[in-house]
Amino acid sequence: MSWTLPGTVIGLEENNPDEVEKFFSSVSIAGGLVMSQVREITGLEPYTVQNWVKRGFLSPPEKKKYSRRQLCRILLINMLKSAMPMDSICRLLSYVNGDLEDESDDIIDDSIMYQMLVQLAASNRTAWPPRCLDEELEKVLTGYIEPVPGARDRVAQAMKIMLTAWFSSELMHQAEADMQKLGISSLKTTKKETKL
């Protein structure tokens, strides 16, 4: 069954962690991504990402290139933004990694957290609530070494919230698609029409 990699517009045939790692390795080999590549991967307009940089949600690109770590922060925010207000997303990311512009205080690299989240999303994309989530979290956190006491628990709690938000977003997209099949305006369209 095909699905979309969270936070991207990239379709995957099946849950294949090697395919995801291959994708991220190509980003690292290229020395980062320019804005047009970020747009192609995420579907986001450049001004949106630039606004996130201006507002301190992620560090500025170096020589106009976004690193793997920065791309994963963008993907995390993009994945969560349809289910959570931006302030809540920032508080959640700060709960894990402190100052969002300063990578030196991070307790987990955003690219590692994103890949763990993709593994959880892939194995829980067809049913909610996920069965054995605590065991699955333990599995994806295998090998994670706490830089400070309590870091592992913070990461696990944040990932549970992120997974819930992602799944709720997926359900909303499904509801909108089902409404369109019935010829009914989507929920978003109805809200916009009401404002006019």
C-alpha atoms as a PDB file:
ATOM      1  CA  MET A   1       0.000   0.000   0.000  1.00  0.00           C
ATOM      2  CA  SER A   2       1.508   3.347  -1.011  1.00  0.00           C
ATOM      3  CA  TRP A   3       1.780   6.290   1.343  1.00  0.00           C
ATOM      4  CA  THR A   4       3.380   9.727   1.520  1.00  0.00           C
ATOM      5  CA  LEU A   5       6.545  10.260   3.511  1.00  0.00           C
ATOM      6  CA  PRO A   6       5.480  12.510   6.438  1.00  0.00           C
ATOM      7  CA  GLY A   7       6.104  16.210   5.844  1.00  0.00           C
ATOM      8  CA  THR A   8       6.855  15.670   2.144  1.00  0.00           C
ATOM      9  CA  VAL A   9       5.056  15.190  -1.154  1.00  0.00           C
ATOM     10  CA  ILE A  10       7.148  12.082  -1.850  1.00  0.00           C
ATOM     11  CA  GLY A  11       5.138   8.914  -2.362  1.00  0.00           C
ATOM     12  CA  LEU A  12       6.542   5.591  -1.213  1.00  0.00           C
ATOM     13  CA  GLU A  13       5.345   2.179  -2.329  1.00  0.00           C
ATOM     14  CA  GLU A  14       5.848   0.459   0.992  1.00  0.00           C
ATOM     15  CA  ASN A  15       7.535   0.899   4.334  1.00  0.00           C
ATOM     16  CA  ASN A  16      11.176   0.662   3.338  1.00  0.00           C
ATOM     17  CA  PRO A  17      13.568   2.326   5.796  1.00  0.00           C
ATOM     18  CA  ASP A  18      16.439   1.787   3.347  1.00  0.00           C
ATOM     19  CA  GLU A  19      14.629   3.918   0.748  1.00  0.00           C
ATOM     20  CA  VAL A  20      14.231   6.747   3.274  1.00  0.00           C
ATOM     21  CA  GLU A  21      17.897   6.497   4.312  1.00  0.00           C
ATOM     22  CA  LYS A  22      18.971   6.522   0.647  1.00  0.00           C
ATOM     23  CA  PHE A  23      16.994   9.711   0.139  1.00  0.00           C
ATOM     24  CA  PHE A  24      18.620  11.435   3.128  1.00  0.00           C
ATOM     25  CA  SER A  25      22.096  10.207   2.176  1.00  0.00           C
ATOM     26  CA  SER A  26      21.723  11.870  -1.218  1.00  0.00           C
ATOM     27  CA  VAL A  27      20.952  15.151   0.599  1.00  0.00           C
ATOM     28  CA  SER A  28      24.147  14.814   2.642  1.00  0.00           C
ATOM     29  CA  ILE A  29      26.296  13.924  -0.364  1.00  0.00           C
ATOM     30  CA  ALA A  30      25.119  17.009  -2.242  1.00  0.00           C
ATOM     31  CA  GLY A  31      26.237  19.224   0.654  1.00  0.00           C
ATOM     32  CA  GLY A  32      22.695  20.368   1.335  1.00  0.00           C
ATOM     33  CA  LEU A  33      19.668  21.498  -0.600  1.00  0.00           C
ATOM     34  CA  VAL A  34      18.834  24.821  -2.198  1.00  0.00           C
ATOM     35  CA  MET A  35      15.385  26.325  -1.681  1.00  0.00           C
ATOM     36  CA  SER A  36      13.974  24.984  -4.961  1.00  0.00           C
ATOM     37  CA  GLN A  37      14.849  21.431  -3.880  1.00  0.00           C
ATOM     38  CA  VAL A  38      13.294  21.966  -0.449  1.00  0.00           C
ATOM     39  CA  ARG A  39      10.143  23.206  -2.210  1.00  0.00           C
ATOM     40  CA  GLU A  40      10.102  20.166  -4.481  1.00  0.00           C
ATOM     41  CA  ILE A  41      10.361  17.790  -1.506  1.00  0.00           C
ATOM     42  CA  THR A  42       7.916  19.568   0.820  1.00  0.00           C
ATOM     43  CA  GLY A  43       5.501  21.397  -1.464  1.00  0.00           C
ATOM     44  CA  LEU A  44       6.108  24.509   0.658  1.00  0.00           C
ATOM     45  CA  GLU A  45       6.482  27.945  -0.872  1.00  0.00           C
ATOM     46  CA  PRO A  46       9.942  29.498  -0.331  1.00  0.00           C
ATOM     47  CA  TYR A  47       8.500  32.424   1.644  1.00  0.00           C
ATOM     48  CA  THR A  48       7.038  29.966   4.185  1.00  0.00           C
ATOM     49  CA  VAL A  49      10.429  28.396   4.927  1.00  0.00           C
ATOM     50  CA  GLN A  50      12.118  31.809   4.937  1.00  0.00           C
ATOM     51  CA  ASN A  51       9.500  33.030   7.416  1.00  0.00           C
ATOM     52  CA  TRP A  52      10.238  30.039   9.667  1.00  0.00           C
ATOM     53  CA  VAL A  53      13.926  30.985   9.597  1.00  0.00           C
ATOM     54  CA  LYS A  54      13.077  34.641  10.366  1.00  0.00           C
ATOM     55  CA  ARG A  55      10.861  33.612  13.282  1.00  0.00           C
ATOM     56  CA  GLY A  56      13.601  31.389  14.726  1.00  0.00           C
ATOM     57  CA  PHE A  57      11.959  28.012  14.110  1.00  0.00           C
ATOM     58  CA  LEU A  58      15.150  26.789  12.449  1.00  0.00           C
ATOM     59  CA  SER A  59      18.652  28.097  11.884  1.00  0.00           C
ATOM     60  CA  PRO A  60      19.440  29.970   8.658  1.00  0.00           C
ATOM     61  CA  PRO A  61      20.849  28.001   5.711  1.00  0.00           C
ATOM     62  CA  GLU A  62      24.604  28.109   5.148  1.00  0.00           C
ATOM     63  CA  LYS A  63      25.576  29.483   1.744  1.00  0.00           C
ATOM     64  CA  LYS A  64      21.890  29.217   0.742  1.00  0.00           C
ATOM     65  CA  LYS A  65      21.869  25.465   1.379  1.00  0.00           C
ATOM     66  CA  TYR A  66      19.809  23.590   3.938  1.00  0.00           C
ATOM     67  CA  SER A  67      21.512  20.695   5.716  1.00  0.00           C
ATOM     68  CA  ARG A  68      19.949  17.305   6.351  1.00  0.00           C
ATOM     69  CA  ARG A  69      19.257  18.402   9.917  1.00  0.00           C
ATOM     70  CA  GLN A  70      17.544  21.618   8.802  1.00  0.00           C
ATOM     71  CA  LEU A  71      15.530  19.751   6.163  1.00  0.00           C
ATOM     72  CA  CYS A  72      14.281  17.333   8.830  1.00  0.00           C
ATOM     73  CA  ARG A  73      13.233  20.265  11.064  1.00  0.00           C
ATOM     74  CA  ILE A  74      11.299  21.656   8.077  1.00  0.00           C
ATOM     75  CA  LEU A  75       9.715  18.226   7.476  1.00  0.00           C
ATOM     76  CA  LEU A  76       8.732  17.895  11.142  1.00  0.00           C
ATOM     77  CA  ILE A  77       7.099  21.326  11.171  1.00  0.00           C
ATOM     78  CA  ASN A  78       5.392  20.694   7.831  1.00  0.00           C
ATOM     79  CA  MET A  79       4.136  17.321   9.054  1.00  0.00           C
ATOM     80  CA  LEU A  80       2.645  18.823  12.225  1.00  0.00           C
ATOM     81  CA  LYS A  81       1.283  22.153  10.969  1.00  0.00           C
ATOM     82  CA  SER A  82      -2.067  20.865   9.728  1.00  0.00           C
ATOM     83  CA  ALA A  83      -2.836  19.326  13.133  1.00  0.00           C
ATOM     84  CA  MET A  84      -1.237  21.779  15.572  1.00  0.00           C
ATOM     85  CA  PRO A  85      -0.855  25.559  15.847  1.00  0.00           C
ATOM     86  CA  MET A  86       2.652  26.798  15.091  1.00  0.00           C
ATOM     87  CA  ASP A  87       3.203  27.977  18.681  1.00  0.00           C
ATOM     88  CA  SER A  88       2.458  24.461  19.955  1.00  0.00           C
ATOM     89  CA  ILE A  89       4.819  22.924  17.406  1.00  0.00           C
ATOM     90  CA  CYS A  90       7.607  25.266  18.526  1.00  0.00           C
ATOM     91  CA  ARG A  91       6.971  24.535  22.211  1.00  0.00           C
ATOM     92  CA  LEU A  92       7.058  20.790  21.473  1.00  0.00           C
ATOM     93  CA  LEU A  93      10.300  21.048  19.494  1.00  0.00           C
ATOM     94  CA  SER A  94      11.776  23.278  22.219  1.00  0.00           C
ATOM     95  CA  TYR A  95      10.741  20.728  24.854  1.00  0.00           C
ATOM     96  CA  VAL A  96      13.072  18.326  23.096  1.00  0.00           C
ATOM     97  CA  ASN A  97      15.803  20.583  21.763  1.00  0.00           C
ATOM     98  CA  GLY A  98      15.777  23.852  23.679  1.00  0.00           C
ATOM     99  CA  ASP A  99      16.554  26.947  21.627  1.00  0.00           C
ATOM    100  CA  LEU A 100      15.413  26.118  18.084  1.00  0.00           C
ATOM    101  CA  GLU A 101      18.156  28.214  16.478  1.00  0.00           C
ATOM    102  CA  ASP A 102      20.940  26.678  18.571  1.00  0.00           C
ATOM    103  CA  GLU A 103      21.838  23.066  17.769  1.00  0.00           C
ATOM    104  CA  SER A 104      24.383  22.855  20.607  1.00  0.00           C
ATOM    105  CA  ASP A 105      21.650  22.296  23.223  1.00  0.00           C
ATOM    106  CA  ASP A 106      19.812  19.567  21.250  1.00  0.00           C
ATOM    107  CA  ILE A 107      19.246  16.249  22.993  1.00  0.00           C
ATOM    108  CA  ILE A 108      18.565  14.563  19.636  1.00  0.00           C
ATOM    109  CA  ASP A 109      19.467  15.459  16.068  1.00  0.00           C
ATOM    110  CA  ASP A 110      16.316  16.422  14.126  1.00  0.00           C
ATOM    111  CA  SER A 111      17.264  14.037  11.317  1.00  0.00           C
ATOM    112  CA  ILE A 112      17.465  11.104  13.738  1.00  0.00           C
ATOM    113  CA  MET A 113      14.175  12.061  15.386  1.00  0.00           C
ATOM    114  CA  TYR A 114      12.501  12.410  11.986  1.00  0.00           C
ATOM    115  CA  GLN A 115      13.713   8.987  10.853  1.00  0.00           C
ATOM    116  CA  MET A 116      12.474   7.414  14.091  1.00  0.00           C
ATOM    117  CA  LEU A 117       9.123   9.108  13.573  1.00  0.00           C
ATOM    118  CA  VAL A 118       8.928   7.814   9.998  1.00  0.00           C
ATOM    119  CA  GLN A 119       9.479   4.280  11.303  1.00  0.00           C
ATOM    120  CA  LEU A 120       6.668   4.732  13.835  1.00  0.00           C
ATOM    121  CA  ALA A 121       4.359   6.320  11.247  1.00  0.00           C
ATOM    122  CA  ALA A 122       5.025   3.551   8.726  1.00  0.00           C
ATOM    123  CA  SER A 123       4.135   0.823  11.179  1.00  0.00           C
ATOM    124  CA  ASN A 124       1.062   2.689  12.504  1.00  0.00           C
ATOM    125  CA  ARG A 125      -0.412   4.288   9.409  1.00  0.00           C
ATOM    126  CA  THR A 126      -3.401   1.977   9.061  1.00  0.00           C
ATOM    127  CA  ALA A 127      -4.821   1.757  12.578  1.00  0.00           C
ATOM    128  CA  TRP A 128      -5.280   4.025  15.539  1.00  0.00           C
ATOM    129  CA  PRO A 129      -4.574   3.878  18.405  1.00  0.00           C
ATOM    130  CA  PRO A 130      -1.335   2.060  17.731  1.00  0.00           C
ATOM    131  CA  ARG A 131      -0.890  -1.250  19.423  1.00  0.00           C
ATOM    132  CA  CYS A 132       2.231  -1.694  21.525  1.00  0.00           C
ATOM    133  CA  LEU A 133       3.408   1.893  20.954  1.00  0.00           C
ATOM    134  CA  ASP A 134       5.667   1.847  24.015  1.00  0.00           C
ATOM    135  CA  GLU A 135       7.411  -1.277  22.704  1.00  0.00           C
ATOM    136  CA  GLU A 136       7.771   0.284  19.244  1.00  0.00           C
ATOM    137  CA  LEU A 137       9.203   3.443  20.805  1.00  0.00           C
ATOM    138  CA  GLU A 138      11.721   1.322  22.710  1.00  0.00           C
ATOM    139  CA  LYS A 139      12.696  -0.328  19.433  1.00  0.00           C
ATOM    140  CA  VAL A 140      13.260   2.941  17.553  1.00  0.00           C
ATOM    141  CA  LEU A 141      15.095   4.437  20.537  1.00  0.00           C
ATOM    142  CA  THR A 142      17.505   1.497  20.689  1.00  0.00           C
ATOM    143  CA  GLY A 143      20.986   2.914  20.419  1.00  0.00           C
ATOM    144  CA  TYR A 144      19.945   6.407  21.511  1.00  0.00           C
ATOM    145  CA  ILE A 145      22.344   7.593  24.196  1.00  0.00           C
ATOM    146  CA  GLU A 146      21.016  10.226  26.574  1.00  0.00           C
ATOM    147  CA  PRO A 147      23.209  13.341  26.611  1.00  0.00           C
ATOM    148  CA  VAL A 148      21.484  14.320  29.884  1.00  0.00           C
ATOM    149  CA  PRO A 149      19.383  12.318  32.363  1.00  0.00           C
ATOM    150  CA  GLY A 150      15.729  12.136  31.306  1.00  0.00           C
ATOM    151  CA  ALA A 151      16.420  12.911  27.644  1.00  0.00           C
ATOM    152  CA  ARG A 152      15.154   9.534  26.429  1.00  0.00           C
ATOM    153  CA  ASP A 153      11.797  10.055  28.148  1.00  0.00           C
ATOM    154  CA  ARG A 154      11.492  13.578  26.705  1.00  0.00           C
ATOM    155  CA  VAL A 155      12.131  12.282  23.190  1.00  0.00           C
ATOM    156  CA  ALA A 156       9.649   9.414  23.654  1.00  0.00           C
ATOM    157  CA  GLN A 157       6.908  11.723  24.969  1.00  0.00           C
ATOM    158  CA  ALA A 158       7.423  14.228  22.147  1.00  0.00           C
ATOM    159  CA  MET A 159       7.360  11.468  19.536  1.00  0.00           C
ATOM    160  CA  LYS A 160       4.059  10.129  20.909  1.00  0.00           C
ATOM    161  CA  ILE A 161       2.539  13.590  20.504  1.00  0.00           C
ATOM    162  CA  MET A 162       4.003  13.984  17.014  1.00  0.00           C
ATOM    163  CA  LEU A 163       2.710  10.588  15.936  1.00  0.00           C
ATOM    164  CA  THR A 164      -0.776  11.426  17.241  1.00  0.00           C
ATOM    165  CA  ALA A 165      -0.761  14.790  15.432  1.00  0.00           C
ATOM    166  CA  TRP A 166       0.454  13.186  12.200  1.00  0.00           C
ATOM    167  CA  PHE A 167      -2.244  10.516  12.348  1.00  0.00           C
ATOM    168  CA  SER A 168      -4.969  13.083  13.051  1.00  0.00           C
ATOM    169  CA  SER A 169      -3.759  15.050  10.022  1.00  0.00           C
ATOM    170  CA  GLU A 170      -3.916  11.891   7.893  1.00  0.00           C
ATOM    171  CA  LEU A 171      -7.498  11.280   9.063  1.00  0.00           C
ATOM    172  CA  MET A 172      -8.450  14.865   8.170  1.00  0.00           C
ATOM    173  CA  HIS A 173      -7.023  14.445   4.665  1.00  0.00           C
ATOM    174  CA  GLN A 174      -8.965  11.201   4.286  1.00  0.00           C
ATOM    175  CA  ALA A 175     -12.197  12.868   5.425  1.00  0.00           C
ATOM    176  CA  GLU A 176     -11.687  15.674   2.902  1.00  0.00           C
ATOM    177  CA  ALA A 177     -11.021  13.185   0.100  1.00  0.00           C
ATOM    178  CA  ASP A 178     -14.156  11.204   1.043  1.00  0.00           C
ATOM    179  CA  MET A 179     -16.229  14.408   1.033  1.00  0.00           C
ATOM    180  CA  GLN A 180     -14.952  15.286  -2.443  1.00  0.00           C
ATOM    181  CA  LYS A 181     -15.987  11.833  -3.691  1.00  0.00           C
ATOM    182  CA  LEU A 182     -19.506  12.646  -2.493  1.00  0.00           C
ATOM    183  CA  GLY A 183     -19.391  16.010  -4.254  1.00  0.00           C
ATOM    184  CA  ILE A 184     -19.479  17.907  -0.957  1.00  0.00           C
ATOM    185  CA  SER A 185     -17.240  20.933  -0.394  1.00  0.00           C
ATOM    186  CA  SER A 186     -14.299  20.193   1.845  1.00  0.00           C
ATOM    187  CA  LEU A 187     -14.176  21.487   5.394  1.00  0.00           C
ATOM    188  CA  LYS A 188     -11.488  24.043   4.501  1.00  0.00           C
ATOM    189  CA  THR A 189     -13.461  25.357   1.506  1.00  0.00           C
ATOM    190  CA  THR A 190     -16.590  25.725   3.645  1.00  0.00           C
ATOM    191  CA  LYS A 191     -14.683  27.797   6.230  1.00  0.00           C
ATOM    192  CA  LYS A 192     -13.315  30.095   3.500  1.00  0.00           C
ATOM    193  CA  GLU A 193     -16.774  30.486   1.897  1.00  0.00           C
ATOM    194  CA  THR A 194     -18.283  31.350   5.278  1.00  0.00           C
ATOM    195  CA  LYS A 195     -15.783  34.199   5.762  1.00  0.00           C
ATOM    196  CA  LEU A 196     -16.751  35.755   2.425  1.00  0.00           C
END
